[in-house]
C-alpha atoms as a PDB file:
ATOM      1  CA  MET A   1       0.234   0.285   0.289  1.00  0.00           C
ATOM      2  CA  VAL A   2       1.602   3.541  -0.707  1.00  0.00           C
ATOM      3  CA  LEU A   3      -0.336   6.361   0.226  1.00  0.00           C
ATOM      4  CA  THR A   4       0.423   9.865   0.129  1.00  0.00           C
ATOM      5  CA  PHE A   5      -0.555  12.059   2.932  1.00  0.00           C
ATOM      6  CA  ARG A   6      -1.445  16.039   2.576  1.00  0.00           C
ATOM      7  CA  THR A   7      -3.781  18.815   3.123  1.00  0.00           C
ATOM      8  CA  ALA A   8      -7.258  18.395   1.676  1.00  0.00           C
ATOM      9  CA  MET A   9      -7.837  21.326  -0.836  1.00  0.00           C
ATOM     10  CA  LEU A  10     -10.835  22.928  -0.928  1.00  0.00           C
ATOM     11  CA  ALA A  11     -12.236  21.230  -4.791  1.00  0.00           C
ATOM     12  CA  GLU A  12     -11.893  18.362  -2.383  1.00  0.00           C
ATOM     13  CA  GLY A  13     -14.524  18.758   0.441  1.00  0.00           C
ATOM     14  CA  GLU A  14     -17.254  16.754  -1.201  1.00  0.00           C
ATOM     15  CA  GLU A  15     -15.263  13.782  -1.635  1.00  0.00           C
ATOM     16  CA  VAL A  16     -13.865  14.440   1.988  1.00  0.00           C
ATOM     17  CA  VAL A  17     -17.404  14.505   3.514  1.00  0.00           C
ATOM     18  CA  ARG A  18     -18.263  11.109   1.660  1.00  0.00           C
ATOM     19  CA  VAL A  19     -15.618   9.361   3.345  1.00  0.00           C
ATOM     20  CA  ILE A  20     -16.388  10.786   6.874  1.00  0.00           C
ATOM     21  CA  ARG A  21     -20.058   9.908   6.545  1.00  0.00           C
ATOM     22  CA  ALA A  22     -19.604   6.770   4.894  1.00  0.00           C
ATOM     23  CA  ALA A  23     -17.237   5.583   7.758  1.00  0.00           C
ATOM     24  CA  PHE A  24     -19.149   7.398  10.792  1.00  0.00           C
ATOM     25  CA  THR A  25     -22.696   6.216   9.573  1.00  0.00           C
ATOM     26  CA  PRO A  26     -22.919   2.818  11.517  1.00  0.00           C
ATOM     27  CA  TYR A  27     -20.737   4.541  14.530  1.00  0.00           C
ATOM     28  CA  LEU A  28     -23.382   6.962  14.847  1.00  0.00           C
ATOM     29  CA  ARG A  29     -26.192   4.906  14.530  1.00  0.00           C
ATOM     30  CA  ALA A  30     -24.736   2.763  17.346  1.00  0.00           C
ATOM     31  CA  LEU A  31     -25.248   5.848  19.253  1.00  0.00           C
ATOM     32  CA  GLY A  32     -28.805   6.153  18.451  1.00  0.00           C
ATOM     33  CA  ARG A  33     -28.375   9.339  15.913  1.00  0.00           C
ATOM     34  CA  ASP A  34     -27.546  10.014  12.512  1.00  0.00           C
ATOM     35  CA  PHE A  35     -26.159  12.639  10.279  1.00  0.00           C
ATOM     36  CA  PRO A  36     -28.319  16.028  10.214  1.00  0.00           C
ATOM     37  CA  THR A  37     -30.845  15.993   7.173  1.00  0.00           C
ATOM     38  CA  ASP A  38     -28.938  18.155   4.453  1.00  0.00           C
ATOM     39  CA  GLU A  39     -32.201  20.684   4.969  1.00  0.00           C
ATOM     40  CA  SER A  40     -31.855  21.462   8.560  1.00  0.00           C
ATOM     41  CA  ALA A  41     -29.962  24.390  10.236  1.00  0.00           C
ATOM     42  CA  GLU A  42     -27.639  21.840  11.796  1.00  0.00           C
ATOM     43  CA  TYR A  43     -26.117  20.403   8.342  1.00  0.00           C
ATOM     44  CA  ALA A  44     -25.568  24.076   7.636  1.00  0.00           C
ATOM     45  CA  GLU A  45     -23.939  24.892  10.704  1.00  0.00           C
ATOM     46  CA  GLU A  46     -21.519  21.559  10.257  1.00  0.00           C
ATOM     47  CA  ARG A  47     -21.171  22.652   6.706  1.00  0.00           C
ATOM     48  CA  GLU A  48     -19.795  26.202   7.375  1.00  0.00           C
ATOM     49  CA  ARG A  49     -17.185  24.584   9.915  1.00  0.00           C
ATOM     50  CA  PHE A  50     -16.407  21.898   7.458  1.00  0.00           C
ATOM     51  CA  ALA A  51     -15.228  24.592   4.759  1.00  0.00           C
ATOM     52  CA  ALA A  52     -13.708  26.972   7.136  1.00  0.00           C
ATOM     53  CA  GLU A  53     -11.573  23.966   8.836  1.00  0.00           C
ATOM     54  CA  LEU A  54     -10.778  22.967   5.288  1.00  0.00           C
ATOM     55  CA  GLY A  55      -9.779  26.621   4.337  1.00  0.00           C
ATOM     56  CA  ARG A  56      -7.588  26.926   7.669  1.00  0.00           C
ATOM     57  CA  GLY A  57      -5.782  24.077   6.716  1.00  0.00           C
ATOM     58  CA  GLU A  58      -7.201  21.953   9.430  1.00  0.00           C
ATOM     59  CA  ILE A  59      -7.900  18.782   7.075  1.00  0.00           C
ATOM     60  CA  TYR A  60      -5.548  16.150   5.676  1.00  0.00           C
ATOM     61  CA  ILE A  61      -6.175  12.910   3.442  1.00  0.00           C
ATOM     62  CA  ALA A  62      -4.742   9.840   2.799  1.00  0.00           C
ATOM     63  CA  LEU A  63      -4.903   9.454  -1.109  1.00  0.00           C
ATOM     64  CA  ASP A  64      -4.170   5.928  -2.776  1.00  0.00           C
ATOM     65  CA  GLY A  65      -3.213   7.079  -6.217  1.00  0.00           C
ATOM     66  CA  GLU A  66      -5.895   9.872  -6.436  1.00  0.00           C
ATOM     67  CA  ARG A  67      -8.892   8.482  -4.491  1.00  0.00           C
ATOM     68  CA  ILE A  68      -9.222   9.669  -0.777  1.00  0.00           C
ATOM     69  CA  VAL A  69      -9.227   6.848   1.660  1.00  0.00           C
ATOM     70  CA  GLY A  70      -9.160   8.714   4.518  1.00  0.00           C
ATOM     71  CA  ALA A  71      -9.781  12.132   6.477  1.00  0.00           C
ATOM     72  CA  VAL A  72      -8.332  13.456   9.475  1.00  0.00           C
ATOM     73  CA  ARG A  73     -10.463  16.654  10.824  1.00  0.00           C
ATOM     74  CA  THR A  74      -8.199  18.505  13.594  1.00  0.00           C
ATOM     75  CA  LYS A  75      -8.336  21.467  15.598  1.00  0.00           C
ATOM     76  CA  PRO A  76      -4.980  22.855  16.499  1.00  0.00           C
ATOM     77  CA  GLN A  77      -4.550  24.523  20.589  1.00  0.00           C
ATOM     78  CA  ALA A  78      -1.818  26.113  22.152  1.00  0.00           C
ATOM     79  CA  LYS A  79       0.211  22.778  22.501  1.00  0.00           C
ATOM     80  CA  ASP A  80      -1.811  20.316  21.629  1.00  0.00           C
ATOM     81  CA  LEU A  81      -3.653  18.691  18.058  1.00  0.00           C
ATOM     82  CA  TYR A  82      -7.014  17.647  18.908  1.00  0.00           C
ATOM     83  CA  ILE A  83      -8.461  15.076  16.241  1.00  0.00           C
ATOM     84  CA  HIS A  84     -11.998  15.976  15.639  1.00  0.00           C
ATOM     85  CA  THR A  85     -12.269  12.841  13.278  1.00  0.00           C
ATOM     86  CA  ILE A  86     -10.330   9.753  11.619  1.00  0.00           C
ATOM     87  CA  ALA A  87     -12.095   8.188   8.847  1.00  0.00           C
ATOM     88  CA  VAL A  88     -11.507   5.946   6.532  1.00  0.00           C
ATOM     89  CA  ASP A  89     -13.437   4.868   3.481  1.00  0.00           C
ATOM     90  CA  PRO A  90     -15.663   1.226   4.954  1.00  0.00           C
ATOM     91  CA  VAL A  91     -13.798  -0.521   1.719  1.00  0.00           C
ATOM     92  CA  ARG A  92     -10.280   0.187   2.913  1.00  0.00           C
ATOM     93  CA  GLN A  93     -11.055  -0.272   6.914  1.00  0.00           C
ATOM     94  CA  GLY A  94      -9.395  -3.013   8.584  1.00  0.00           C
ATOM     95  CA  THR A  95      -6.161  -2.213   5.965  1.00  0.00           C
ATOM     96  CA  GLY A  96      -3.948  -0.074   7.804  1.00  0.00           C
ATOM     97  CA  VAL A  97      -5.268   3.078   6.753  1.00  0.00           C
ATOM     98  CA  GLY A  98      -6.255   4.590   9.868  1.00  0.00           C
ATOM     99  CA  SER A  99      -3.127   3.175  11.790  1.00  0.00           C
ATOM    100  CA  TRP A 100      -1.084   5.528   8.908  1.00  0.00           C
ATOM    101  CA  LEU A 101      -2.926   8.379   9.377  1.00  0.00           C
ATOM    102  CA  LEU A 102      -2.355   8.118  13.120  1.00  0.00           C
ATOM    103  CA  GLU A 103       1.295   7.789  12.118  1.00  0.00           C
ATOM    104  CA  GLN A 104       1.568  10.546   9.766  1.00  0.00           C
ATOM    105  CA  ILE A 105      -0.501  12.924  12.352  1.00  0.00           C
ATOM    106  CA  ASP A 106       2.126  12.113  15.365  1.00  0.00           C
ATOM    107  CA  GLU A 107       4.938  13.104  12.554  1.00  0.00           C
ATOM    108  CA  MET A 108       2.987  16.663  11.526  1.00  0.00           C
ATOM    109  CA  ALA A 109       2.487  17.163  15.449  1.00  0.00           C
ATOM    110  CA  ARG A 110       5.895  16.459  16.526  1.00  0.00           C
ATOM    111  CA  ALA A 111       7.483  18.476  13.509  1.00  0.00           C
ATOM    112  CA  ARG A 112       5.705  21.665  14.855  1.00  0.00           C
ATOM    113  CA  GLY A 113       6.368  21.486  18.297  1.00  0.00           C
ATOM    114  CA  LEU A 114       3.492  20.331  19.884  1.00  0.00           C
ATOM    115  CA  GLY A 115       3.677  18.424  22.976  1.00  0.00           C
ATOM    116  CA  SER A 116       0.553  15.795  21.974  1.00  0.00           C
ATOM    117  CA  LEU A 117      -2.281  14.480  20.767  1.00  0.00           C
ATOM    118  CA  SER A 118      -5.552  14.262  22.359  1.00  0.00           C
ATOM    119  CA  LEU A 119      -9.239  12.876  20.943  1.00  0.00           C
ATOM    120  CA  GLU A 120     -12.471  11.368  22.429  1.00  0.00           C
ATOM    121  CA  THR A 121     -14.528   8.491  21.836  1.00  0.00           C
ATOM    122  CA  ALA A 122     -17.329   6.478  22.937  1.00  0.00           C
ATOM    123  CA  GLU A 123     -16.628   4.273  25.274  1.00  0.00           C
ATOM    124  CA  MET A 124     -18.381   1.829  23.520  1.00  0.00           C
ATOM    125  CA  ALA A 125     -16.300   1.870  20.661  1.00  0.00           C
ATOM    126  CA  MET A 126     -13.891  -0.537  21.687  1.00  0.00           C
ATOM    127  CA  ALA A 127     -11.842  -1.468  18.496  1.00  0.00           C
ATOM    128  CA  ASN A 128     -10.965   2.207  18.439  1.00  0.00           C
ATOM    129  CA  ILE A 129     -10.077   2.194  22.332  1.00  0.00           C
ATOM    130  CA  ARG A 130      -7.725  -0.501  20.864  1.00  0.00           C
ATOM    131  CA  LEU A 131      -6.066   1.136  18.180  1.00  0.00           C
ATOM    132  CA  TYR A 132      -5.217   4.418  19.991  1.00  0.00           C
ATOM    133  CA  GLN A 133      -3.672   2.790  22.585  1.00  0.00           C
ATOM    134  CA  ARG A 134      -1.688   1.024  20.073  1.00  0.00           C
ATOM    135  CA  HIS A 135      -0.908   4.174  18.895  1.00  0.00           C
ATOM    136  CA  GLY A 136       0.329   5.560  22.587  1.00  0.00           C
ATOM    137  CA  PHE A 137      -2.809   7.153  23.385  1.00  0.00           C
ATOM    138  CA  GLU A 138      -3.607   6.408  27.250  1.00  0.00           C
ATOM    139  CA  ILE A 139      -7.130   7.006  28.765  1.00  0.00           C
ATOM    140  CA  VAL A 140      -6.913  10.421  30.750  1.00  0.00           C
ATOM    141  CA  ARG A 141     -10.593  10.020  32.263  1.00  0.00           C
ATOM    142  CA  HIS A 142     -14.308   8.763  31.127  1.00  0.00           C
ATOM    143  CA  GLY A 143     -16.973  11.259  30.866  1.00  0.00           C
ATOM    144  CA  PRO A 144     -20.573  12.565  29.246  1.00  0.00           C
ATOM    145  CA  PRO A 145     -20.166  13.992  25.599  1.00  0.00           C
ATOM    146  CA  ASP A 146     -19.178  17.863  25.173  1.00  0.00           C
ATOM    147  CA  HIS A 147     -21.875  18.240  22.386  1.00  0.00           C
ATOM    148  CA  GLY A 148     -24.722  16.504  24.480  1.00  0.00           C
ATOM    149  CA  LEU A 149     -26.365  15.276  21.336  1.00  0.00           C
ATOM    150  CA  ASP A 150     -26.533  11.222  22.846  1.00  0.00           C
ATOM    151  CA  PRO A 151     -25.958  10.121  26.719  1.00  0.00           C
ATOM    152  CA  HIS A 152     -23.307   7.389  25.712  1.00  0.00           C
ATOM    153  CA  THR A 153     -20.368   7.935  28.107  1.00  0.00           C
ATOM    154  CA  ARG A 154     -16.705   9.314  25.878  1.00  0.00           C
ATOM    155  CA  VAL A 155     -13.408   8.414  26.735  1.00  0.00           C
ATOM    156  CA  TYR A 156     -11.111  11.227  26.391  1.00  0.00           C
ATOM    157  CA  MET A 157      -7.637   9.995  25.247  1.00  0.00           C
ATOM    158  CA  VAL A 158      -3.915  11.460  25.076  1.00  0.00           C
ATOM    159  CA  LYS A 159      -0.865  10.884  23.538  1.00  0.00           C
ATOM    160  CA  THR A 160       2.291  13.331  25.103  1.00  0.00           C
ATOM    161  CA  PHE A 161       5.345  13.571  23.416  1.00  0.00           C
END
């Protein structure tokens, strides 16, 4: 597998959204939720946030040739890079793309002189937790989600360099 890692371009936004939606639909449904409908105000707000992130260069992609097979939405903080979303196209899940993306984000954060990576996932997403732990993340706390959209406990994880 030869992948390329780079910042997503504005013109790739729709394909990045496709990958994220395809990857996250089963996860959200397990939480009793779904993506907002295209006509909703919540959808419009999320699309605006997403476009701003693209414009600031906070979204990264994994390319296999010309095809986007993974995406990472990040939120830079003072000394930390928060991983908002890491998504792998369902046809490529289980092939190492997620691990590869975590390695690329790790290298990028270290090169920028940041001290850590952080993220959260649902406590019930045991496969995600194991993946992150294999990559050096440690659970720092359990708690309710900040967004309040569902009642499922979250696991907050950090990888310190």
